[in-house]
Amino acid sequence: MPRFQEKPVQHIAKYDRSDRQLPVGRRATEAARPRKAGEQERIFTTRVGLKIPISLTYDRWEKAGQHIFQIADSSAWCLGDWLVYGQDRYADRYQTGVQAAGLDYQTLRNYAWVARHFELWRRRETLSFGHHAEVASLPPAEADTWLDQAEQHGWSRNQLRLRLRESRRGNRPARPAPASQLRISAPCDRVERWREAASRGDRDFEEWVLLTLDRATAHELGH
């Protein structure tokens, strides 16, 4: 079963062995210069987007998408690990570092919550950060079992989420324990923002609220 493996930083800056390192952060004047033979299919990255050549073949375009997804997905892990380290090492100053970096703290907290639940050796390179987020609230052994199945069957994040829901329904007792009902008052605009967040995450509103509260509780209690 594949596990997280350390790779040199230079690796993520390549599409394949025939490419040189991507020029990150080039000025527009540099990226717009006449290109030599062999550069016609190179994609240039800038701080605000990609400069994609008109003559790019489908195969190269597809590889570029895979490469960009890998960078985006790994950045969630890296940012999560970064915040976890800051929380543990600089408990009185880490929020200052987050502000100085211009990062959104709530997003980072979500990343850190998942990263804290998965040691490096338990992370699966063949699965996305989102797969791990779906099972992060489960006991480690159960979470690993679900990730094993997702790997074996090639489940997408949404397919894994659906399987989890089906499992929970199937494991419900005949006489469910009475649940406490919590009522809160909140401005309509805040409730609408919460509903939008739940919709973007493809979750039921009640499920999203419970998950968000669980994450906040784990953060405040330090586990």
Protein backbone atom coordinates (compact mmCIF):
# COMPACT_ATOMS: atom_id res chain seq x y z
CA MET A 1 0.00 0.00 0.00
CA PRO A 2 1.55 3.33 -1.00
CA ARG A 3 2.59 5.62 1.80
CA PHE A 4 3.79 9.22 1.95
CA GLN A 5 7.36 9.43 0.74
CA GLU A 6 9.74 12.32 0.97
CA LYS A 7 10.68 13.83 -2.37
CA PRO A 8 13.16 16.55 -3.26
CA VAL A 9 11.54 19.96 -3.63
CA GLN A 10 12.76 20.20 -7.21
CA HIS A 11 10.50 17.34 -8.23
CA ILE A 12 7.27 19.31 -7.94
CA ALA A 13 8.64 21.92 -10.32
CA LYS A 14 8.69 19.55 -13.29
CA TYR A 15 6.07 18.11 -15.60
CA ASP A 16 8.30 15.25 -16.71
CA ARG A 17 11.96 14.55 -17.34
CA SER A 18 11.96 16.39 -20.65
CA ASP A 19 11.00 19.67 -18.97
CA ARG A 20 13.27 22.05 -17.17
CA GLN A 21 12.25 23.62 -13.91
CA LEU A 22 9.22 25.86 -14.34
CA PRO A 23 10.10 29.56 -14.06
CA VAL A 24 7.94 30.62 -11.11
CA GLY A 25 7.19 34.31 -10.67
CA ARG A 26 8.62 35.55 -13.97
CA ARG A 27 7.88 39.10 -14.95
CA ALA A 28 5.46 39.47 -17.83
CA THR A 29 8.16 41.02 -20.01
CA GLU A 30 10.37 37.97 -19.54
CA ALA A 31 7.59 35.47 -20.17
CA ALA A 32 6.53 37.32 -23.31
CA ARG A 33 9.95 37.27 -25.01
CA PRO A 34 10.31 35.27 -28.26
CA ARG A 35 10.76 31.62 -27.37
CA LYS A 36 13.43 29.35 -28.70
CA ALA A 37 12.76 26.00 -30.33
CA GLY A 38 11.73 23.50 -27.68
CA GLU A 39 10.07 26.15 -25.52
CA GLN A 40 6.90 26.32 -27.57
CA GLU A 41 4.97 23.96 -25.29
CA ARG A 42 6.26 25.23 -21.96
CA ILE A 43 3.75 26.69 -19.52
CA PHE A 44 5.02 29.64 -17.52
CA THR A 45 3.71 30.28 -14.01
CA THR A 46 3.34 33.77 -12.60
CA ARG A 47 2.09 35.10 -9.28
CA VAL A 48 -1.36 35.63 -10.77
CA GLY A 49 -1.80 32.71 -13.16
CA LEU A 50 -0.49 30.69 -16.10
CA LYS A 51 0.80 31.74 -19.49
CA ILE A 52 -0.29 28.88 -21.73
CA PRO A 53 1.02 28.69 -25.31
CA ILE A 54 -1.53 28.51 -28.11
CA SER A 55 0.16 25.45 -29.59
CA LEU A 56 -0.08 23.31 -26.43
CA THR A 57 -1.02 19.71 -27.23
CA TYR A 58 -3.76 17.88 -25.37
CA ASP A 59 -1.30 15.49 -23.71
CA ARG A 60 0.77 18.37 -22.36
CA TRP A 61 -2.35 20.22 -21.21
CA GLU A 62 -3.56 17.10 -19.39
CA LYS A 63 -0.19 16.60 -17.69
CA ALA A 64 -0.21 20.24 -16.63
CA GLY A 65 -3.59 19.76 -14.93
CA GLN A 66 -2.32 16.74 -13.04
CA HIS A 67 0.78 18.66 -11.99
CA ILE A 68 -1.21 21.68 -10.80
CA PHE A 69 -3.57 19.45 -8.80
CA GLN A 70 -0.62 17.74 -7.11
CA ILE A 71 0.82 21.10 -6.10
CA ALA A 72 -2.54 22.39 -4.82
CA ASP A 73 -3.24 19.17 -2.92
CA SER A 74 0.22 18.98 -1.35
CA SER A 75 0.04 22.65 -0.35
CA ALA A 76 -2.92 21.83 1.94
CA TRP A 77 -0.78 19.26 3.75
CA CYS A 78 2.22 21.60 3.88
CA LEU A 79 0.22 24.54 5.22
CA GLY A 80 -1.44 22.27 7.76
CA ASP A 81 1.91 20.94 8.98
CA TRP A 82 3.26 24.49 9.09
CA LEU A 83 0.43 25.68 11.35
CA VAL A 84 0.62 22.59 13.58
CA TYR A 85 4.31 23.29 14.15
CA GLY A 86 3.59 26.93 14.92
CA GLN A 87 0.80 26.05 17.34
CA ASP A 88 3.03 23.60 19.19
CA ARG A 89 6.25 25.62 19.14
CA TYR A 90 5.07 29.23 19.24
CA ALA A 91 1.72 29.08 21.03
CA ASP A 92 1.88 32.78 21.95
CA ARG A 93 3.02 34.05 18.54
CA TYR A 94 1.86 31.77 15.74
CA GLN A 95 -1.22 33.85 14.88
CA THR A 96 1.10 36.80 14.26
CA GLY A 97 3.00 34.63 11.77
CA VAL A 98 -0.24 33.68 10.03
CA GLN A 99 -1.20 37.35 9.67
CA ALA A 100 2.27 38.28 8.43
CA ALA A 101 2.02 35.60 5.74
CA GLY A 102 -1.37 36.98 4.64
CA LEU A 103 -3.09 33.63 5.09
CA ASP A 104 -6.71 32.93 6.05
CA TYR A 105 -6.66 31.54 9.58
CA GLN A 106 -9.92 29.59 9.35
CA THR A 107 -8.76 27.77 6.22
CA LEU A 108 -5.42 27.02 7.87
CA ARG A 109 -7.18 25.67 10.95
CA ASN A 110 -9.07 23.21 8.78
CA TYR A 111 -5.82 22.10 7.12
CA ALA A 112 -4.09 21.78 10.50
CA TRP A 113 -6.98 19.78 11.95
CA VAL A 114 -6.58 17.16 9.23
CA ALA A 115 -2.77 17.23 9.31
CA ARG A 116 -2.75 16.70 13.07
CA HIS A 117 -4.87 13.57 12.67
CA PHE A 118 -2.56 11.97 10.09
CA GLU A 119 1.13 11.37 10.67
CA LEU A 120 3.25 11.50 7.52
CA TRP A 121 3.50 7.73 7.24
CA ARG A 122 -0.32 7.35 7.26
CA ARG A 123 -0.92 9.76 4.38
CA ARG A 124 -1.66 8.19 1.01
CA GLU A 125 -0.04 9.68 -2.08
CA THR A 126 -2.68 8.10 -4.29
CA LEU A 127 -5.50 9.87 -2.42
CA SER A 128 -6.24 13.57 -2.11
CA PHE A 129 -6.16 15.72 0.98
CA GLY A 130 -9.95 15.75 0.73
CA HIS A 131 -10.10 11.95 1.09
CA HIS A 132 -8.20 12.22 4.35
CA ALA A 133 -10.41 15.08 5.56
CA GLU A 134 -13.49 12.88 5.13
CA VAL A 135 -12.23 10.31 7.65
CA ALA A 136 -10.12 12.50 9.94
CA SER A 137 -12.74 12.43 12.72
CA LEU A 138 -12.73 8.61 12.86
CA PRO A 139 -10.48 6.48 15.09
CA PRO A 140 -7.13 5.90 13.31
CA ALA A 141 -7.67 2.20 12.60
CA GLU A 142 -11.12 2.84 11.12
CA ALA A 143 -9.89 5.80 9.09
CA ASP A 144 -7.06 3.69 7.66
CA THR A 145 -9.51 0.95 6.69
CA TRP A 146 -11.63 3.42 4.75
CA LEU A 147 -8.56 4.88 3.03
CA ASP A 148 -7.46 1.35 2.12
CA GLN A 149 -10.80 0.74 0.43
CA ALA A 150 -10.71 4.09 -1.35
CA GLU A 151 -7.29 3.18 -2.75
CA GLN A 152 -8.29 -0.32 -3.78
CA HIS A 153 -11.53 0.71 -5.48
CA GLY A 154 -10.37 4.04 -6.88
CA TRP A 155 -13.10 6.01 -5.09
CA SER A 156 -13.30 9.76 -5.56
CA ARG A 157 -13.75 11.96 -2.50
CA ASN A 158 -17.49 12.14 -3.12
CA GLN A 159 -17.73 8.37 -3.53
CA LEU A 160 -15.91 7.88 -0.23
CA ARG A 161 -18.28 10.35 1.43
CA LEU A 162 -21.27 8.45 0.04
CA ARG A 163 -19.93 5.12 1.33
CA LEU A 164 -19.41 6.64 4.76
CA ARG A 165 -22.98 7.92 4.83
CA GLU A 166 -24.33 4.54 3.78
CA SER A 167 -22.27 2.85 6.48
CA ARG A 168 -23.58 5.19 9.15
CA ARG A 169 -27.16 4.58 8.08
CA GLY A 170 -26.61 0.81 8.09
CA ASN A 171 -25.10 0.90 11.58
CA ARG A 172 -27.88 2.90 13.17
CA PRO A 173 -29.48 1.08 16.13
CA ALA A 174 -33.18 0.20 15.97
CA ARG A 175 -33.84 2.57 18.86
CA PRO A 176 -31.49 5.49 18.50
CA ALA A 177 -30.41 7.25 21.63
CA PRO A 178 -32.26 10.52 22.20
CA ALA A 179 -30.33 13.46 20.82
CA SER A 180 -30.05 16.82 22.53
CA GLN A 181 -31.50 19.67 20.55
CA LEU A 182 -29.49 22.87 20.49
CA ARG A 183 -31.11 26.12 19.43
CA ILE A 184 -29.16 29.27 18.73
CA SER A 185 -30.10 32.69 17.44
CA ALA A 186 -28.00 34.13 14.63
CA PRO A 187 -28.42 36.91 12.06
CA CYS A 188 -29.87 35.72 8.75
CA ASP A 189 -26.80 36.79 6.79
CA ARG A 190 -24.56 34.58 8.94
CA VAL A 191 -26.86 31.60 8.54
CA GLU A 192 -26.84 32.09 4.78
CA ARG A 193 -23.03 32.14 4.78
CA TRP A 194 -23.04 28.88 6.75
CA ARG A 195 -25.45 27.30 4.31
CA GLU A 196 -23.29 28.43 1.39
CA ALA A 197 -20.21 26.89 3.02
CA ALA A 198 -22.07 23.61 3.56
CA SER A 199 -23.26 23.63 -0.05
CA ARG A 200 -19.76 24.21 -1.39
CA GLY A 201 -18.55 21.27 0.66
CA ASP A 202 -21.41 19.16 -0.72
CA ARG A 203 -22.72 18.46 2.78
CA ASP A 204 -26.09 18.58 4.45
CA PHE A 205 -26.36 21.77 6.50
CA GLU A 206 -26.84 19.94 9.80
CA GLU A 207 -23.94 17.60 9.05
CA TRP A 208 -21.71 20.58 8.19
CA VAL A 209 -22.61 22.37 11.44
CA LEU A 210 -21.81 19.29 13.53
CA LEU A 211 -18.50 18.69 11.73
CA THR A 212 -17.47 22.34 12.12
CA LEU A 213 -18.28 22.27 15.83
CA ASP A 214 -16.34 19.01 16.26
CA ARG A 215 -13.29 20.58 14.59
CA ALA A 216 -13.49 23.69 16.74
CA THR A 217 -13.87 21.53 19.87
CA ALA A 218 -10.85 19.41 18.96
CA HIS A 219 -8.80 22.55 18.36
CA GLU A 220 -9.75 24.18 21.67
CA LEU A 221 -9.18 20.98 23.65
CA GLY A 222 -5.88 20.34 21.91
CA HIS A 223 -6.71 16.99 20.28
